[in-house]
């Protein structure tokens, strides 16, 4: 796991979950305590999220979900099928 490789095991926790009620955004991930949501995440994005956000404190803006798309029926992505790898 990438967190263990970076020596973060025990300081950062990764939990598996379902779609977190954001299924229309494809594979997603949320980083707490900032509550930064990412959508359309692929395995190739994981290193960038760990290095930039978890280690460096800078969210990966290209993957970040807009606040207005979280838990709302009016998100522009509702009804759009997202392909998962």
N, C-alpha and C. Protein backbone atom coordinates (compact mmCIF):
# COMPACT_ATOMS: atom_id res chain seq x y z
N UNK A 1 0.84 -1.18 0.00
CA UNK A 1 0.00 0.00 0.00
C UNK A 1 0.89 1.25 0.00
N UNK A 2 0.47 2.25 -0.73
CA UNK A 2 1.27 3.48 -0.89
C UNK A 2 1.52 4.19 0.43
N UNK A 3 0.57 4.17 1.33
CA UNK A 3 0.76 4.86 2.61
C UNK A 3 1.88 4.21 3.42
N UNK A 4 1.91 2.90 3.44
CA UNK A 4 2.96 2.18 4.16
C UNK A 4 4.32 2.44 3.52
N UNK A 5 4.37 2.47 2.18
CA UNK A 5 5.61 2.74 1.47
C UNK A 5 6.20 4.10 1.85
N UNK A 6 5.34 5.06 2.16
CA UNK A 6 5.77 6.41 2.52
C UNK A 6 5.98 6.57 4.03
N UNK A 7 5.86 5.46 4.78
CA UNK A 7 6.06 5.52 6.22
C UNK A 7 4.91 6.18 6.96
N UNK A 8 3.73 6.16 6.37
CA UNK A 8 2.57 6.83 6.97
C UNK A 8 1.64 5.88 7.72
N UNK A 9 1.93 4.60 7.68
CA UNK A 9 1.08 3.63 8.38
C UNK A 9 1.04 3.98 9.86
N UNK A 10 -0.15 4.00 10.42
CA UNK A 10 -0.33 4.36 11.81
C UNK A 10 -0.63 5.84 12.01
N UNK A 11 -0.26 6.67 11.03
CA UNK A 11 -0.56 8.11 11.09
C UNK A 11 -1.70 8.48 10.15
N UNK A 12 -1.82 7.72 9.06
CA UNK A 12 -2.86 7.94 8.06
C UNK A 12 -3.59 6.63 7.87
N UNK A 13 -4.89 6.70 7.82
CA UNK A 13 -5.70 5.49 7.73
C UNK A 13 -6.46 5.48 6.42
N UNK A 14 -6.46 4.34 5.74
CA UNK A 14 -7.24 4.15 4.51
C UNK A 14 -8.30 3.09 4.78
N UNK A 15 -9.54 3.44 4.52
CA UNK A 15 -10.66 2.52 4.71
C UNK A 15 -11.34 2.27 3.38
N UNK A 16 -11.70 1.03 3.13
CA UNK A 16 -12.47 0.69 1.95
C UNK A 16 -13.94 0.99 2.22
N UNK A 17 -14.63 1.46 1.20
CA UNK A 17 -16.06 1.73 1.36
C UNK A 17 -16.77 1.49 0.04
N UNK A 18 -18.06 1.74 0.05
CA UNK A 18 -18.84 1.72 -1.17
C UNK A 18 -18.64 3.03 -1.90
N UNK A 19 -19.65 3.49 -2.60
CA UNK A 19 -19.52 4.70 -3.42
C UNK A 19 -19.69 5.99 -2.62
N UNK A 20 -19.94 5.90 -1.32
CA UNK A 20 -20.10 7.08 -0.47
C UNK A 20 -21.21 8.00 -0.97
N UNK A 21 -22.22 7.42 -1.60
CA UNK A 21 -23.36 8.14 -2.18
C UNK A 21 -22.95 9.10 -3.28
N UNK A 22 -21.84 8.82 -3.92
CA UNK A 22 -21.35 9.66 -5.02
C UNK A 22 -21.06 8.78 -6.25
N UNK A 23 -21.88 7.76 -6.47
CA UNK A 23 -21.63 6.78 -7.52
C UNK A 23 -21.48 7.40 -8.90
N UNK A 24 -22.18 8.49 -9.16
CA UNK A 24 -22.12 9.12 -10.48
C UNK A 24 -20.75 9.72 -10.79
N UNK A 25 -19.88 9.79 -9.80
CA UNK A 25 -18.54 10.34 -10.00
C UNK A 25 -17.48 9.27 -10.19
N UNK A 26 -17.93 8.04 -10.38
CA UNK A 26 -16.97 6.95 -10.58
C UNK A 26 -16.27 6.62 -9.28
N UNK A 27 -15.16 5.91 -9.36
CA UNK A 27 -14.43 5.62 -8.12
C UNK A 27 -14.08 6.93 -7.42
N UNK A 28 -14.45 7.03 -6.15
CA UNK A 28 -14.17 8.27 -5.44
C UNK A 28 -13.48 8.00 -4.12
N UNK A 29 -12.99 9.09 -3.56
CA UNK A 29 -12.16 9.01 -2.37
C UNK A 29 -12.33 10.34 -1.64
N UNK A 30 -12.31 10.30 -0.33
CA UNK A 30 -12.40 11.53 0.46
C UNK A 30 -11.26 11.54 1.47
N UNK A 31 -10.65 12.71 1.64
CA UNK A 31 -9.55 12.87 2.58
C UNK A 31 -10.03 13.74 3.73
N UNK A 32 -9.97 13.18 4.92
CA UNK A 32 -10.32 13.92 6.14
C UNK A 32 -9.05 14.24 6.90
N UNK A 33 -9.00 15.30 7.67
CA UNK A 33 -10.13 16.07 8.19
C UNK A 33 -10.58 17.21 7.27
N UNK A 34 -9.91 17.43 6.13
CA UNK A 34 -10.28 18.53 5.26
C UNK A 34 -11.59 18.29 4.50
N UNK A 35 -12.02 17.03 4.41
CA UNK A 35 -13.20 16.65 3.64
C UNK A 35 -13.06 17.06 2.17
N UNK A 36 -11.90 16.73 1.60
CA UNK A 36 -11.67 16.96 0.17
C UNK A 36 -12.10 15.69 -0.56
N UNK A 37 -13.05 15.85 -1.47
CA UNK A 37 -13.59 14.74 -2.24
C UNK A 37 -12.94 14.69 -3.61
N UNK A 38 -12.59 13.47 -4.03
CA UNK A 38 -12.04 13.25 -5.36
C UNK A 38 -12.94 12.29 -6.12
N UNK A 39 -13.09 12.50 -7.42
CA UNK A 39 -13.92 11.63 -8.25
C UNK A 39 -13.17 11.16 -9.47
N UNK A 40 -13.62 10.04 -10.02
CA UNK A 40 -12.98 9.47 -11.20
C UNK A 40 -11.55 9.03 -10.94
N UNK A 41 -11.28 8.62 -9.72
CA UNK A 41 -9.93 8.25 -9.31
C UNK A 41 -9.55 6.89 -9.91
N UNK A 42 -8.34 6.82 -10.47
CA UNK A 42 -7.81 5.57 -10.98
C UNK A 42 -6.60 5.17 -10.14
N UNK A 43 -6.14 3.96 -10.32
CA UNK A 43 -4.95 3.51 -9.59
C UNK A 43 -3.75 4.40 -9.89
N UNK A 44 -3.67 4.92 -11.11
CA UNK A 44 -2.53 5.78 -11.45
C UNK A 44 -2.61 7.13 -10.75
N UNK A 45 -3.77 7.51 -10.21
CA UNK A 45 -3.92 8.78 -9.49
C UNK A 45 -3.51 8.67 -8.03
N UNK A 46 -3.44 7.46 -7.51
CA UNK A 46 -3.20 7.27 -6.08
C UNK A 46 -1.87 7.87 -5.64
N UNK A 47 -0.79 7.62 -6.38
CA UNK A 47 0.51 8.18 -6.01
C UNK A 47 0.46 9.70 -5.92
N UNK A 48 -0.19 10.33 -6.90
CA UNK A 48 -0.28 11.79 -6.91
C UNK A 48 -1.07 12.31 -5.71
N UNK A 49 -2.16 11.64 -5.37
CA UNK A 49 -2.95 12.06 -4.21
C UNK A 49 -2.14 11.91 -2.92
N UNK A 50 -1.46 10.78 -2.79
CA UNK A 50 -0.65 10.57 -1.58
C UNK A 50 0.45 11.61 -1.49
N UNK A 51 1.22 11.79 -2.57
CA UNK A 51 2.34 12.71 -2.53
C UNK A 51 1.91 14.17 -2.41
N UNK A 52 0.98 14.58 -3.25
CA UNK A 52 0.59 15.99 -3.27
C UNK A 52 -0.27 16.38 -2.08
N UNK A 53 -1.30 15.58 -1.79
CA UNK A 53 -2.26 15.96 -0.75
C UNK A 53 -1.87 15.44 0.62
N UNK A 54 -1.72 14.13 0.74
CA UNK A 54 -1.47 13.54 2.05
C UNK A 54 -0.11 13.99 2.61
N UNK A 55 0.93 13.93 1.80
CA UNK A 55 2.27 14.31 2.25
C UNK A 55 2.48 15.82 2.15
N UNK A 56 2.13 16.40 0.99
CA UNK A 56 2.44 17.81 0.74
C UNK A 56 1.39 18.81 1.16
N UNK A 57 0.17 18.34 1.45
CA UNK A 57 -0.87 19.26 1.89
C UNK A 57 -1.55 20.05 0.78
N UNK A 58 -1.33 19.64 -0.49
CA UNK A 58 -1.92 20.34 -1.62
C UNK A 58 -2.87 19.41 -2.37
N UNK A 59 -4.18 19.65 -2.26
CA UNK A 59 -5.13 18.80 -2.98
C UNK A 59 -4.86 18.77 -4.49
N UNK A 60 -5.22 17.68 -5.11
CA UNK A 60 -5.06 17.51 -6.55
C UNK A 60 -6.32 18.07 -7.22
N UNK A 61 -6.24 19.29 -7.67
CA UNK A 61 -7.41 20.01 -8.16
C UNK A 61 -8.08 19.36 -9.36
N UNK A 62 -7.32 18.72 -10.24
CA UNK A 62 -7.91 18.13 -11.44
C UNK A 62 -8.86 16.98 -11.11
N UNK A 63 -8.74 16.40 -9.92
CA UNK A 63 -9.59 15.28 -9.52
C UNK A 63 -10.64 15.68 -8.48
N UNK A 64 -10.52 16.88 -7.98
CA UNK A 64 -11.39 17.32 -6.88
C UNK A 64 -12.83 17.52 -7.36
N UNK A 65 -13.77 17.01 -6.56
CA UNK A 65 -15.19 17.21 -6.87
C UNK A 65 -15.62 18.58 -6.36
N UNK A 66 -16.44 19.24 -7.14
CA UNK A 66 -16.98 20.54 -6.74
C UNK A 66 -17.93 20.34 -5.57
N UNK A 67 -17.92 21.28 -4.63
CA UNK A 67 -18.83 21.20 -3.48
C UNK A 67 -20.28 21.11 -3.93
N UNK A 68 -20.62 21.80 -5.01
CA UNK A 68 -22.02 21.79 -5.47
C UNK A 68 -22.43 20.45 -6.11
N UNK A 69 -21.49 19.53 -6.26
CA UNK A 69 -21.80 18.21 -6.80
C UNK A 69 -21.94 17.15 -5.70
N UNK A 70 -21.68 17.51 -4.47
CA UNK A 70 -21.75 16.54 -3.39
C UNK A 70 -23.14 16.47 -2.79
N UNK A 71 -23.70 15.27 -2.80
CA UNK A 71 -25.00 15.01 -2.15
C UNK A 71 -26.10 15.94 -2.60
N UNK A 72 -26.19 16.15 -3.90
CA UNK A 72 -27.24 17.00 -4.44
C UNK A 72 -27.83 16.39 -5.70
N UNK A 73 -29.09 16.60 -5.90
CA UNK A 73 -29.76 16.06 -7.09
C UNK A 73 -29.49 16.93 -8.31
N UNK A 74 -28.90 18.10 -8.14
CA UNK A 74 -28.70 19.02 -9.26
C UNK A 74 -27.30 18.97 -9.85
N UNK A 75 -26.48 18.04 -9.43
CA UNK A 75 -25.12 17.93 -9.96
C UNK A 75 -25.17 17.66 -11.46
N UNK A 76 -24.28 18.30 -12.18
CA UNK A 76 -24.19 18.13 -13.63
C UNK A 76 -23.87 16.69 -14.03
N UNK A 77 -23.36 15.88 -13.11
CA UNK A 77 -22.99 14.51 -13.41
C UNK A 77 -24.11 13.50 -13.18
N UNK A 78 -25.21 13.92 -12.57
CA UNK A 78 -26.33 13.00 -12.32
C UNK A 78 -26.86 12.47 -13.65
N UNK A 79 -27.03 11.18 -13.71
CA UNK A 79 -27.57 10.56 -14.92
C UNK A 79 -26.50 10.26 -15.96
N UNK A 80 -25.25 10.66 -15.71
CA UNK A 80 -24.16 10.39 -16.64
C UNK A 80 -23.46 9.12 -16.18
N UNK A 81 -23.39 8.13 -17.07
CA UNK A 81 -22.73 6.88 -16.71
C UNK A 81 -21.22 7.07 -16.76
N UNK A 82 -20.55 6.71 -15.67
CA UNK A 82 -19.10 6.82 -15.58
C UNK A 82 -18.52 5.44 -15.75
N UNK A 83 -17.60 5.30 -16.70
CA UNK A 83 -16.94 4.02 -16.94
C UNK A 83 -15.85 3.82 -15.89
N UNK A 84 -15.79 2.64 -15.33
CA UNK A 84 -14.72 2.32 -14.37
C UNK A 84 -13.76 1.36 -15.03
N UNK A 85 -12.48 1.50 -14.75
CA UNK A 85 -11.47 0.64 -15.39
C UNK A 85 -11.59 -0.80 -14.97
